[in-house]
Amino acid sequence: MKKKPQKGMVFGVFDGLHEGHRHFLERAARLCKELAVVVATDETTVDLKGRMPTQPLAERIEAIQAFDASYVVRPGDEVSGSWNILESEAPDIVFLGYDQQNIEYELRDSGIPYIYMDAYEPDRFKSSRYRERGTTEGQP
């Protein structure tokens, strides 16, 4: 049996923590001994998605900590594309969501192994779908 990596890391905006996010976090946590969750800053979210998140950074971090207090939750780098968090947290592996190809390009040069996680009912549990319907997390 393969030994679990000590520290895993995930990245995301986690705007309106929904069942898809929770499934992603739980699956990643099962594959490592410690999970670091990096939450994109408001500024980085604007750079990536062209809009402000619905919830401010502090609320998004709080929601993840309330979901599972064992996760090490950190705000992402202030400067989009700087990836200092990879050096400061030094993960053994990074778990990517099915739609995070942009992060893969950065990881290729870092030498940090990464794997993609399958989507969990993406037609139902996707943040953009909640925004389209004008609903919040947990309301498909």
Protein backbone atom coordinates (compact mmCIF):
# COMPACT_ATOMS: atom_id res chain seq x y z
CA MET A 1 0.00 0.00 0.00
CA LYS A 2 1.30 3.44 -0.93
CA LYS A 3 2.12 5.85 1.86
CA LYS A 4 -0.06 8.97 2.04
CA PRO A 5 1.70 12.26 1.34
CA GLN A 6 2.18 14.30 4.50
CA LYS A 7 0.85 17.60 3.18
CA GLY A 8 -1.60 18.13 0.37
CA MET A 9 -2.79 21.45 -0.98
CA VAL A 10 -5.83 22.69 -2.86
CA PHE A 11 -6.59 26.05 -4.40
CA GLY A 12 -9.89 27.76 -5.01
CA VAL A 13 -12.12 30.78 -4.66
CA PHE A 14 -14.72 28.80 -2.65
CA ASP A 15 -17.33 31.51 -3.13
CA GLY A 16 -20.49 30.14 -1.54
CA LEU A 17 -19.17 26.83 -0.19
CA HIS A 18 -21.40 24.22 -1.83
CA GLU A 19 -21.59 20.44 -2.06
CA GLY A 20 -19.15 20.33 -4.99
CA HIS A 21 -16.55 22.23 -2.94
CA ARG A 22 -17.15 20.05 0.12
CA HIS A 23 -16.77 16.87 -1.92
CA PHE A 24 -13.51 18.18 -3.45
CA LEU A 25 -12.10 19.08 -0.01
CA GLU A 26 -13.12 15.78 1.59
CA ARG A 27 -11.62 13.70 -1.23
CA ALA A 28 -8.35 15.64 -1.14
CA ALA A 29 -8.16 15.34 2.66
CA ARG A 30 -8.53 11.55 2.46
CA LEU A 31 -5.47 11.39 0.20
CA CYS A 32 -3.03 13.12 2.56
CA LYS A 33 -2.32 13.48 6.27
CA GLU A 34 -2.73 17.27 6.37
CA LEU A 35 -4.66 19.45 3.92
CA ALA A 36 -3.78 23.08 3.24
CA VAL A 37 -6.61 25.00 1.60
CA VAL A 38 -5.51 28.13 -0.25
CA VAL A 39 -8.35 30.59 -0.77
CA ALA A 40 -7.97 33.14 -3.58
CA THR A 41 -7.94 36.75 -2.45
CA ASP A 42 -10.62 39.10 -3.74
CA GLU A 43 -8.07 40.79 -6.00
CA THR A 44 -6.84 37.52 -7.46
CA THR A 45 -10.43 36.43 -8.06
CA VAL A 46 -11.01 39.60 -10.09
CA ASP A 47 -7.85 38.83 -12.11
CA LEU A 48 -8.93 35.22 -12.72
CA LYS A 49 -12.66 35.58 -13.21
CA GLY A 50 -13.20 39.24 -14.05
CA ARG A 51 -15.49 39.86 -11.07
CA MET A 52 -15.44 40.21 -7.31
CA PRO A 53 -16.48 37.16 -5.31
CA THR A 54 -19.92 37.32 -3.70
CA GLN A 55 -18.40 36.71 -0.27
CA PRO A 56 -15.34 38.56 1.04
CA LEU A 57 -12.18 36.54 1.70
CA ALA A 58 -12.68 36.36 5.48
CA GLU A 59 -16.15 34.83 5.07
CA ARG A 60 -14.90 32.27 2.57
CA ILE A 61 -12.07 31.24 4.90
CA GLU A 62 -14.49 31.06 7.84
CA ALA A 63 -16.87 28.81 5.90
CA ILE A 64 -14.08 26.32 5.14
CA GLN A 65 -12.86 26.33 8.75
CA ALA A 66 -16.43 25.77 9.95
CA PHE A 67 -16.79 22.86 7.54
CA ASP A 68 -13.63 21.13 8.83
CA ALA A 69 -11.41 22.67 11.49
CA SER A 70 -8.58 20.23 10.70
CA TYR A 71 -7.81 21.99 7.41
CA VAL A 72 -5.01 24.55 7.38
CA VAL A 73 -6.73 27.44 5.60
CA ARG A 74 -4.63 30.27 4.16
CA PRO A 75 -5.32 33.23 1.91
CA GLY A 76 -3.62 32.97 -1.45
CA ASP A 77 -0.87 35.27 -2.62
CA GLU A 78 -1.76 38.93 -2.96
CA VAL A 79 -0.21 39.10 -6.41
CA SER A 80 -1.87 36.90 -8.99
CA GLY A 81 0.59 34.38 -10.43
CA SER A 82 3.30 34.77 -7.76
CA TRP A 83 2.85 31.32 -6.11
CA ASN A 84 4.82 32.20 -2.95
CA ILE A 85 2.37 30.01 -1.03
CA LEU A 86 3.94 26.94 -2.65
CA GLU A 87 7.28 27.85 -1.08
CA SER A 88 5.92 28.85 2.33
CA GLU A 89 3.61 25.84 2.73
CA ALA A 90 5.78 23.31 0.83
CA PRO A 91 3.11 20.75 -0.11
CA ASP A 92 4.05 17.21 -1.07
CA ILE A 93 1.21 17.11 -3.60
CA VAL A 94 -1.40 19.48 -5.02
CA PHE A 95 -4.94 18.35 -5.76
CA LEU A 96 -6.52 20.21 -8.66
CA GLY A 97 -10.18 20.64 -9.43
CA TYR A 98 -11.38 19.48 -12.83
CA ASP A 99 -11.36 23.08 -14.14
CA GLN A 100 -7.99 24.27 -12.79
CA GLN A 101 -5.75 23.80 -15.83
CA ASN A 102 -4.25 27.27 -15.30
CA ILE A 103 -2.68 26.04 -12.04
CA GLU A 104 -1.27 22.95 -13.75
CA TYR A 105 0.84 25.15 -16.02
CA GLU A 106 2.43 26.80 -12.97
CA LEU A 107 3.00 23.48 -11.19
CA ARG A 108 4.81 21.86 -14.11
CA ASP A 109 7.90 23.98 -13.45
CA SER A 110 7.74 23.67 -9.65
CA GLY A 111 8.46 19.94 -9.45
CA ILE A 112 5.53 19.48 -7.05
CA PRO A 113 3.39 16.49 -8.04
CA TYR A 114 -0.28 17.12 -8.74
CA ILE A 115 -3.38 15.16 -9.60
CA TYR A 116 -6.78 16.16 -10.90
CA MET A 117 -9.87 15.36 -8.87
CA ASP A 118 -13.07 14.40 -10.68
CA ALA A 119 -15.97 16.83 -10.62
CA TYR A 120 -18.88 16.06 -8.33
CA GLU A 121 -22.13 16.59 -10.21
CA PRO A 122 -20.84 19.72 -11.99
CA ASP A 123 -24.21 20.36 -13.61
CA ARG A 124 -25.70 20.85 -10.15
CA PHE A 125 -22.84 22.02 -7.93
CA LYS A 126 -20.91 24.80 -9.60
CA SER A 127 -20.63 28.32 -8.21
CA SER A 128 -21.53 29.97 -11.52
CA ARG A 129 -24.80 28.02 -11.58
CA TYR A 130 -25.73 29.42 -8.17
CA ARG A 131 -24.98 32.95 -9.36
CA GLU A 132 -27.07 32.42 -12.52
CA ARG A 133 -30.03 31.40 -10.37
CA GLY A 134 -29.47 34.09 -7.77
CA THR A 135 -29.16 31.52 -4.99
CA THR A 136 -26.50 30.83 -2.40
CA GLU A 137 -24.58 27.72 -1.40
CA GLY A 138 -26.43 24.57 -0.61
CA GLN A 139 -29.44 25.49 -2.75
CA PRO A 140 -29.22 23.60 -6.04
